[in-house]
Amino acid sequence: MVFRLEDLDPQRCRPEYAQASLDDLRWLGIVWQEGPDIGGPHTPYVQSERRPLYLQAWQDLREAGWIYPSRHSRKEISTLAPHEEEPIFPVEWRNDESAERTGVNWRFRVPDHETISFLDGHFGPVEKTALRDFGDFQIWNRDDIPAYELAVVVDDIAMGITEVVRGADLLTSTARQLLLYRALKAKPPKFYHCPLVTDEQGQRLAKRQAALSLRAMREAGQTPREILAEAAGRISRAVQ
């Protein structure tokens, strides 16, 4: 198991949060064989220190014609379909001759209407179709920070990751990332998407709900065994 600290967003990632994540997960009983606190063959395990790898991937994608600059912001796209969780980037915005090469977003050009299929360890066969379920997506932000989709794929390739277990809310992200694996000529890992742990109202647990954070439950006196049992119960109810 690899602990990788995904700290690319300087506004949300602070040193005290990084240390808290290490402390809380170890307290919960999770053990990893590679990570920022113990090292390993694929150091560094902190994304903010891995920029040269992301830049090389960006250059490879650009030279192969997979990506293009775009001046359009996420806010602009959301106004097109304000009630959709993930509005589709308009294909007519692809050829934006007014976009400069600096201070812009870089987007991956998805293969029009291609269906991306993969076998998920929990949900079984999954299909996501480009331009229906997702559109051209960002791989590099205008503030010169690599996007999540690119960074995790580059790291998974470099670290030899063979299995990824994560929440069901990332099923569409997996389809996008499979396109990146293909474009970078790399073999993707296997995926297992878990049902999300939710609160009593069925809402996913989020950072803004501090009362249900791992640190808050720990400080309230709950034990690791109690927390894991409660999480298992919530997932079981979600599946039912």
C-alpha atoms as a PDB file:
ATOM      1  CA  MET A   1       0.000   0.000   0.000  1.00  0.00           C
ATOM      2  CA  VAL A   2       1.234   3.473  -0.952  1.00  0.00           C
ATOM      3  CA  PHE A   3       0.482   6.695   0.938  1.00  0.00           C
ATOM      4  CA  ARG A   4       0.625   9.557  -1.560  1.00  0.00           C
ATOM      5  CA  LEU A   5      -0.028  13.070  -0.356  1.00  0.00           C
ATOM      6  CA  GLU A   6      -2.070  14.915  -2.997  1.00  0.00           C
ATOM      7  CA  ASP A   7      -1.307  18.509  -2.061  1.00  0.00           C
ATOM      8  CA  LEU A   8      -1.372  20.340  -5.404  1.00  0.00           C
ATOM      9  CA  ASP A   9      -3.912  22.972  -4.301  1.00  0.00           C
ATOM     10  CA  PRO A  10      -1.890  25.488  -2.236  1.00  0.00           C
ATOM     11  CA  GLN A  11      -5.050  27.180  -0.942  1.00  0.00           C
ATOM     12  CA  ARG A  12      -6.471  24.004   0.642  1.00  0.00           C
ATOM     13  CA  CYS A  13      -3.371  21.975   1.517  1.00  0.00           C
ATOM     14  CA  ARG A  14      -1.502  23.076   4.622  1.00  0.00           C
ATOM     15  CA  PRO A  15       1.355  21.313   6.446  1.00  0.00           C
ATOM     16  CA  GLU A  16      -0.785  20.747   9.545  1.00  0.00           C
ATOM     17  CA  TYR A  17      -3.424  18.989   7.443  1.00  0.00           C
ATOM     18  CA  ALA A  18      -0.785  16.738   5.898  1.00  0.00           C
ATOM     19  CA  GLN A  19       0.528  15.697   9.289  1.00  0.00           C
ATOM     20  CA  ALA A  20      -2.996  15.174  10.611  1.00  0.00           C
ATOM     21  CA  SER A  21      -3.795  12.798   7.748  1.00  0.00           C
ATOM     22  CA  LEU A  22      -0.747  10.689   8.584  1.00  0.00           C
ATOM     23  CA  ASP A  23      -1.512  10.676  12.305  1.00  0.00           C
ATOM     24  CA  ASP A  24      -5.234   9.932  11.997  1.00  0.00           C
ATOM     25  CA  LEU A  25      -4.913   7.110   9.470  1.00  0.00           C
ATOM     26  CA  ARG A  26      -2.179   5.407  11.492  1.00  0.00           C
ATOM     27  CA  TRP A  27      -4.360   5.743  14.591  1.00  0.00           C
ATOM     28  CA  LEU A  28      -7.209   4.115  12.663  1.00  0.00           C
ATOM     29  CA  GLY A  29      -4.970   1.132  11.987  1.00  0.00           C
ATOM     30  CA  ILE A  30      -4.121   1.654   8.329  1.00  0.00           C
ATOM     31  CA  VAL A  31      -0.556   0.659   7.471  1.00  0.00           C
ATOM     32  CA  TRP A  32       1.341   1.524   4.281  1.00  0.00           C
ATOM     33  CA  GLN A  33       4.658   0.264   2.949  1.00  0.00           C
ATOM     34  CA  GLU A  34       5.608   3.423   1.030  1.00  0.00           C
ATOM     35  CA  GLY A  35       4.921   7.055   1.895  1.00  0.00           C
ATOM     36  CA  PRO A  36       6.309  10.495   2.759  1.00  0.00           C
ATOM     37  CA  ASP A  37       7.028   9.472   6.347  1.00  0.00           C
ATOM     38  CA  ILE A  38       8.882   6.241   5.565  1.00  0.00           C
ATOM     39  CA  GLY A  39      10.173   6.679   2.003  1.00  0.00           C
ATOM     40  CA  GLY A  40      10.301   3.960  -0.613  1.00  0.00           C
ATOM     41  CA  PRO A  41      11.500   3.266  -4.159  1.00  0.00           C
ATOM     42  CA  HIS A  42       9.273   5.920  -5.760  1.00  0.00           C
ATOM     43  CA  THR A  43      10.047   8.961  -3.635  1.00  0.00           C
ATOM     44  CA  PRO A  44       8.935  11.712  -3.330  1.00  0.00           C
ATOM     45  CA  TYR A  45       5.427  10.771  -2.221  1.00  0.00           C
ATOM     46  CA  VAL A  46       4.252  14.382  -2.047  1.00  0.00           C
ATOM     47  CA  GLN A  47       2.682  15.629  -5.286  1.00  0.00           C
ATOM     48  CA  SER A  48       3.911  19.200  -4.891  1.00  0.00           C
ATOM     49  CA  GLU A  49       7.452  17.783  -5.198  1.00  0.00           C
ATOM     50  CA  ARG A  50       6.705  15.773  -8.368  1.00  0.00           C
ATOM     51  CA  ARG A  51       6.102  18.649 -10.800  1.00  0.00           C
ATOM     52  CA  PRO A  52       8.828  17.608 -13.323  1.00  0.00           C
ATOM     53  CA  LEU A  53       6.977  14.321 -13.938  1.00  0.00           C
ATOM     54  CA  TYR A  54       3.691  16.115 -14.601  1.00  0.00           C
ATOM     55  CA  LEU A  55       5.373  18.633 -16.883  1.00  0.00           C
ATOM     56  CA  GLN A  56       6.933  15.866 -18.961  1.00  0.00           C
ATOM     57  CA  ALA A  57       3.537  14.189 -19.359  1.00  0.00           C
ATOM     58  CA  TRP A  58       1.990  17.514 -20.384  1.00  0.00           C
ATOM     59  CA  GLN A  59       4.688  17.959 -23.011  1.00  0.00           C
ATOM     60  CA  ASP A  60       4.156  14.421 -24.324  1.00  0.00           C
ATOM     61  CA  LEU A  61       0.400  14.965 -24.596  1.00  0.00           C
ATOM     62  CA  ARG A  62       0.851  18.319 -26.320  1.00  0.00           C
ATOM     63  CA  GLU A  63       3.323  16.958 -28.872  1.00  0.00           C
ATOM     64  CA  ALA A  64       0.973  14.073 -29.641  1.00  0.00           C
ATOM     65  CA  GLY A  65      -1.938  16.483 -30.198  1.00  0.00           C
ATOM     66  CA  TRP A  66      -4.083  15.235 -27.318  1.00  0.00           C
ATOM     67  CA  ILE A  67      -4.433  18.586 -25.532  1.00  0.00           C
ATOM     68  CA  TYR A  68      -5.121  22.199 -26.439  1.00  0.00           C
ATOM     69  CA  PRO A  69      -5.173  25.602 -24.665  1.00  0.00           C
ATOM     70  CA  SER A  70      -8.531  27.036 -23.589  1.00  0.00           C
ATOM     71  CA  ARG A  71      -9.359  30.415 -22.090  1.00  0.00           C
ATOM     72  CA  HIS A  72     -12.753  29.226 -20.836  1.00  0.00           C
ATOM     73  CA  SER A  73     -13.100  28.828 -17.088  1.00  0.00           C
ATOM     74  CA  ARG A  74     -15.000  26.219 -15.094  1.00  0.00           C
ATOM     75  CA  LYS A  75     -17.426  28.952 -14.029  1.00  0.00           C
ATOM     76  CA  GLU A  76     -18.240  29.754 -17.667  1.00  0.00           C
ATOM     77  CA  ILE A  77     -18.979  26.114 -18.390  1.00  0.00           C
ATOM     78  CA  SER A  78     -21.182  25.731 -15.316  1.00  0.00           C
ATOM     79  CA  THR A  79     -23.390  28.636 -16.451  1.00  0.00           C
ATOM     80  CA  LEU A  80     -24.315  26.650 -19.575  1.00  0.00           C
ATOM     81  CA  ALA A  81     -26.025  23.986 -17.487  1.00  0.00           C
ATOM     82  CA  PRO A  82     -26.315  25.316 -13.913  1.00  0.00           C
ATOM     83  CA  HIS A  83     -28.374  22.346 -12.705  1.00  0.00           C
ATOM     84  CA  GLU A  84     -25.993  19.665 -13.956  1.00  0.00           C
ATOM     85  CA  GLU A  85     -23.301  18.336 -11.647  1.00  0.00           C
ATOM     86  CA  GLU A  86     -20.845  18.029 -14.528  1.00  0.00           C
ATOM     87  CA  PRO A  87     -21.697  20.186 -17.573  1.00  0.00           C
ATOM     88  CA  ILE A  88     -20.188  19.000 -20.858  1.00  0.00           C
ATOM     89  CA  PHE A  89     -17.517  21.259 -22.359  1.00  0.00           C
ATOM     90  CA  PRO A  90     -18.931  22.545 -25.710  1.00  0.00           C
ATOM     91  CA  VAL A  91     -17.109  21.113 -28.731  1.00  0.00           C
ATOM     92  CA  GLU A  92     -17.443  24.468 -30.510  1.00  0.00           C
ATOM     93  CA  TRP A  93     -15.125  25.956 -27.876  1.00  0.00           C
ATOM     94  CA  ARG A  94     -12.284  23.625 -28.819  1.00  0.00           C
ATOM     95  CA  ASN A  95     -10.697  25.697 -31.571  1.00  0.00           C
ATOM     96  CA  ASP A  96     -10.214  28.886 -29.612  1.00  0.00           C
ATOM     97  CA  GLU A  97      -7.762  30.923 -31.651  1.00  0.00           C
ATOM     98  CA  SER A  98      -7.859  33.727 -29.074  1.00  0.00           C
ATOM     99  CA  ALA A  99      -6.373  31.487 -26.378  1.00  0.00           C
ATOM    100  CA  GLU A 100      -2.812  32.387 -25.499  1.00  0.00           C
ATOM    101  CA  ARG A 101      -0.274  29.724 -24.655  1.00  0.00           C
ATOM    102  CA  THR A 102       0.238  31.047 -21.138  1.00  0.00           C
ATOM    103  CA  GLY A 103      -2.329  31.800 -18.442  1.00  0.00           C
ATOM    104  CA  VAL A 104      -4.840  29.339 -19.899  1.00  0.00           C
ATOM    105  CA  ASN A 105      -6.338  25.985 -19.037  1.00  0.00           C
ATOM    106  CA  TRP A 106      -5.156  22.968 -21.024  1.00  0.00           C
ATOM    107  CA  ARG A 107      -7.815  20.425 -21.918  1.00  0.00           C
ATOM    108  CA  PHE A 108      -7.712  16.854 -23.139  1.00  0.00           C
ATOM    109  CA  ARG A 109      -9.639  16.354 -26.380  1.00  0.00           C
ATOM    110  CA  VAL A 110     -11.859  13.327 -25.809  1.00  0.00           C
ATOM    111  CA  PRO A 111     -12.633  10.999 -28.745  1.00  0.00           C
ATOM    112  CA  ASP A 112     -16.094  12.093 -29.864  1.00  0.00           C
ATOM    113  CA  HIS A 113     -18.844   9.671 -28.815  1.00  0.00           C
ATOM    114  CA  GLU A 114     -16.424   6.849 -27.970  1.00  0.00           C
ATOM    115  CA  THR A 115     -17.629   4.581 -25.174  1.00  0.00           C
ATOM    116  CA  ILE A 116     -15.008   3.875 -22.513  1.00  0.00           C
ATOM    117  CA  SER A 117     -15.597   0.470 -20.921  1.00  0.00           C
ATOM    118  CA  PHE A 118     -13.950  -1.095 -17.890  1.00  0.00           C
ATOM    119  CA  LEU A 119     -14.650  -3.870 -15.411  1.00  0.00           C
ATOM    120  CA  ASP A 120     -15.042  -2.507 -11.898  1.00  0.00           C
ATOM    121  CA  GLY A 121     -14.345  -4.763  -8.928  1.00  0.00           C
ATOM    122  CA  HIS A 122     -17.620  -3.754  -7.255  1.00  0.00           C
ATOM    123  CA  PHE A 123     -20.020  -2.501  -9.938  1.00  0.00           C
ATOM    124  CA  GLY A 124     -18.969  -4.909 -12.689  1.00  0.00           C
ATOM    125  CA  PRO A 125     -19.031  -3.659 -16.306  1.00  0.00           C
ATOM    126  CA  VAL A 126     -19.089   0.150 -16.502  1.00  0.00           C
ATOM    127  CA  GLU A 127     -19.524   2.264 -19.635  1.00  0.00           C
ATOM    128  CA  LYS A 128     -19.064   6.017 -19.992  1.00  0.00           C
ATOM    129  CA  THR A 129     -19.499   7.772 -23.334  1.00  0.00           C
ATOM    130  CA  ALA A 130     -17.472  10.830 -24.314  1.00  0.00           C
ATOM    131  CA  LEU A 131     -19.554  13.978 -24.986  1.00  0.00           C
ATOM    132  CA  ARG A 132     -22.513  12.373 -23.215  1.00  0.00           C
ATOM    133  CA  ASP A 133     -21.185  11.524 -19.767  1.00  0.00           C
ATOM    134  CA  PHE A 134     -18.129  13.791 -19.871  1.00  0.00           C
ATOM    135  CA  GLY A 135     -16.440  16.209 -22.226  1.00  0.00           C
ATOM    136  CA  ASP A 136     -12.975  17.666 -22.788  1.00  0.00           C
ATOM    137  CA  PHE A 137     -11.406  17.877 -19.337  1.00  0.00           C
ATOM    138  CA  GLN A 138      -8.662  19.945 -17.759  1.00  0.00           C
ATOM    139  CA  ILE A 139      -5.212  18.487 -17.278  1.00  0.00           C
ATOM    140  CA  TRP A 140      -3.406  21.739 -16.442  1.00  0.00           C
ATOM    141  CA  ASN A 141      -4.918  24.803 -14.766  1.00  0.00           C
ATOM    142  CA  ARG A 142      -4.403  28.416 -15.723  1.00  0.00           C
ATOM    143  CA  ASP A 143      -2.651  29.064 -12.408  1.00  0.00           C
ATOM    144  CA  ASP A 144       0.089  26.690 -13.646  1.00  0.00           C
ATOM    145  CA  ILE A 145      -0.921  23.751 -11.461  1.00  0.00           C
ATOM    146  CA  PRO A 146      -1.441  20.259 -12.928  1.00  0.00           C
ATOM    147  CA  ALA A 147      -5.001  19.021 -12.554  1.00  0.00           C
ATOM    148  CA  TYR A 148      -6.010  16.005 -10.469  1.00  0.00           C
ATOM    149  CA  GLU A 149      -6.745  13.805 -13.479  1.00  0.00           C
ATOM    150  CA  LEU A 150      -3.244  14.176 -14.897  1.00  0.00           C
ATOM    151  CA  ALA A 151      -1.340  14.035 -11.603  1.00  0.00           C
ATOM    152  CA  VAL A 152      -2.874  10.796 -10.323  1.00  0.00           C
ATOM    153  CA  VAL A 153      -2.390   9.009 -13.640  1.00  0.00           C
ATOM    154  CA  VAL A 154       1.248  10.081 -13.896  1.00  0.00           C
ATOM    155  CA  ASP A 155       1.875   9.012 -10.297  1.00  0.00           C
ATOM    156  CA  ASP A 156       0.107   5.670 -10.712  1.00  0.00           C
ATOM    157  CA  ILE A 157       2.257   4.929 -13.764  1.00  0.00           C
ATOM    158  CA  ALA A 158       5.506   6.006 -12.096  1.00  0.00           C
ATOM    159  CA  MET A 159       4.761   4.150  -8.843  1.00  0.00           C
ATOM    160  CA  GLY A 160       3.631   0.946 -10.522  1.00  0.00           C
ATOM    161  CA  ILE A 161       0.163   1.038  -8.956  1.00  0.00           C
ATOM    162  CA  THR A 162      -1.788  -2.111  -9.840  1.00  0.00           C
ATOM    163  CA  GLU A 163      -5.027  -1.657  -7.861  1.00  0.00           C
ATOM    164  CA  VAL A 164      -7.012   1.469  -6.984  1.00  0.00           C
ATOM    165  CA  VAL A 165      -9.839   1.422  -4.416  1.00  0.00           C
ATOM    166  CA  ARG A 166     -11.894   4.624  -4.146  1.00  0.00           C
ATOM    167  CA  GLY A 167     -15.373   6.087  -3.924  1.00  0.00           C
ATOM    168  CA  ALA A 168     -18.158   5.521  -6.445  1.00  0.00           C
ATOM    169  CA  ASP A 169     -18.294   9.261  -7.129  1.00  0.00           C
ATOM    170  CA  LEU A 170     -15.096   8.828  -9.200  1.00  0.00           C
ATOM    171  CA  LEU A 171     -16.486   6.365 -11.767  1.00  0.00           C
ATOM    172  CA  THR A 172     -16.573   9.055 -14.448  1.00  0.00           C
ATOM    173  CA  SER A 173     -13.075  10.189 -13.481  1.00  0.00           C
ATOM    174  CA  THR A 174     -11.905   6.640 -14.136  1.00  0.00           C
ATOM    175  CA  ALA A 175     -13.166   6.850 -17.724  1.00  0.00           C
ATOM    176  CA  ARG A 176     -11.268  10.100 -18.220  1.00  0.00           C
ATOM    177  CA  GLN A 177      -8.139   8.659 -16.668  1.00  0.00           C
ATOM    178  CA  LEU A 178      -8.293   5.573 -18.872  1.00  0.00           C
ATOM    179  CA  LEU A 179      -8.022   7.912 -21.863  1.00  0.00           C
ATOM    180  CA  LEU A 180      -4.914   9.444 -20.309  1.00  0.00           C
ATOM    181  CA  TYR A 181      -3.355   6.031 -19.703  1.00  0.00           C
ATOM    182  CA  ARG A 182      -3.943   5.205 -23.348  1.00  0.00           C
ATOM    183  CA  ALA A 183      -2.555   8.515 -24.579  1.00  0.00           C
ATOM    184  CA  LEU A 184       0.558   8.040 -22.421  1.00  0.00           C
ATOM    185  CA  LYS A 185       0.917   4.436 -23.675  1.00  0.00           C
ATOM    186  CA  ALA A 186       0.657   2.941 -20.193  1.00  0.00           C
ATOM    187  CA  LYS A 187      -1.253   0.007 -18.736  1.00  0.00           C
ATOM    188  CA  PRO A 188      -3.978   1.128 -16.295  1.00  0.00           C
ATOM    189  CA  PRO A 189      -4.479  -0.443 -12.860  1.00  0.00           C
ATOM    190  CA  LYS A 190      -7.552  -2.390 -11.816  1.00  0.00           C
ATOM    191  CA  PHE A 191     -10.322  -0.374 -10.146  1.00  0.00           C
ATOM    192  CA  TYR A 192     -12.732  -1.018  -7.290  1.00  0.00           C
ATOM    193  CA  HIS A 193     -15.257   1.729  -6.550  1.00  0.00           C
ATOM    194  CA  CYS A 194     -16.888   1.592  -3.108  1.00  0.00           C
ATOM    195  CA  PRO A 195     -20.272   2.996  -2.104  1.00  0.00           C
ATOM    196  CA  LEU A 196     -19.787   6.285  -0.256  1.00  0.00           C
ATOM    197  CA  VAL A 197     -20.089   6.574   3.497  1.00  0.00           C
ATOM    198  CA  THR A 198     -23.006   8.947   4.116  1.00  0.00           C
ATOM    199  CA  ASP A 199     -24.639  10.704   7.038  1.00  0.00           C
ATOM    200  CA  GLU A 200     -28.084   9.913   8.466  1.00  0.00           C
ATOM    201  CA  GLN A 201     -29.729  11.958   5.699  1.00  0.00           C
ATOM    202  CA  GLY A 202     -27.910  10.026   3.002  1.00  0.00           C
ATOM    203  CA  GLN A 203     -25.558  12.895   2.134  1.00  0.00           C
ATOM    204  CA  ARG A 204     -21.909  12.131   1.416  1.00  0.00           C
ATOM    205  CA  LEU A 205     -19.472  13.122   4.136  1.00  0.00           C
ATOM    206  CA  ALA A 206     -17.585  16.265   3.150  1.00  0.00           C
ATOM    207  CA  LYS A 207     -14.864  18.406   4.694  1.00  0.00           C
ATOM    208  CA  ARG A 208     -17.397  21.088   5.554  1.00  0.00           C
ATOM    209  CA  GLN A 209     -19.132  18.626   7.901  1.00  0.00           C
ATOM    210  CA  ALA A 210     -16.417  18.747  10.555  1.00  0.00           C
ATOM    211  CA  ALA A 211     -18.583  16.972  13.138  1.00  0.00           C
ATOM    212  CA  LEU A 212     -18.213  13.772  11.123  1.00  0.00           C
ATOM    213  CA  SER A 213     -14.502  14.062  10.333  1.00  0.00           C
ATOM    214  CA  LEU A 214     -12.153  11.328  11.496  1.00  0.00           C
ATOM    215  CA  ARG A 215     -10.286  13.763  13.742  1.00  0.00           C
ATOM    216  CA  ALA A 216     -13.522  15.002  15.350  1.00  0.00           C
ATOM    217  CA  MET A 217     -14.716  11.460  16.070  1.00  0.00           C
ATOM    218  CA  ARG A 218     -11.306  10.566  17.473  1.00  0.00           C
ATOM    219  CA  GLU A 219     -11.305  13.589  19.785  1.00  0.00           C
ATOM    220  CA  ALA A 220     -14.860  12.741  20.880  1.00  0.00           C
ATOM    221  CA  GLY A 221     -13.551   9.484  22.331  1.00  0.00           C
ATOM    222  CA  GLN A 222     -14.555   6.986  19.655  1.00  0.00           C
ATOM    223  CA  THR A 223     -12.204   4.054  19.129  1.00  0.00           C
ATOM    224  CA  PRO A 224     -10.915   2.828  15.744  1.00  0.00           C
ATOM    225  CA  ARG A 225     -13.039  -0.317  16.112  1.00  0.00           C
ATOM    226  CA  GLU A 226     -16.192   1.757  16.682  1.00  0.00           C
ATOM    227  CA  ILE A 227     -15.479   4.039  13.739  1.00  0.00           C
ATOM    228  CA  LEU A 228     -14.798   1.176  11.340  1.00  0.00           C
ATOM    229  CA  ALA A 229     -17.934  -0.651  12.487  1.00  0.00           C
ATOM    230  CA  GLU A 230     -20.028   2.479  11.995  1.00  0.00           C
ATOM    231  CA  ALA A 231     -18.571   3.054   8.511  1.00  0.00           C
ATOM    232  CA  ALA A 232     -19.256  -0.571   7.562  1.00  0.00           C
ATOM    233  CA  GLY A 233     -22.837  -0.210   8.736  1.00  0.00           C
ATOM    234  CA  ARG A 234     -23.399   2.959   6.738  1.00  0.00           C
ATOM    235  CA  ILE A 235     -21.981   1.376   3.596  1.00  0.00           C
ATOM    236  CA  SER A 236     -24.142  -1.711   4.092  1.00  0.00           C
ATOM    237  CA  ARG A 237     -27.265   0.455   4.338  1.00  0.00           C
ATOM    238  CA  ALA A 238     -26.207   2.397   1.255  1.00  0.00           C
ATOM    239  CA  VAL A 239     -25.825  -0.825  -0.752  1.00  0.00           C
ATOM    240  CA  GLN A 240     -29.240  -2.056   0.362  1.00  0.00           C
END
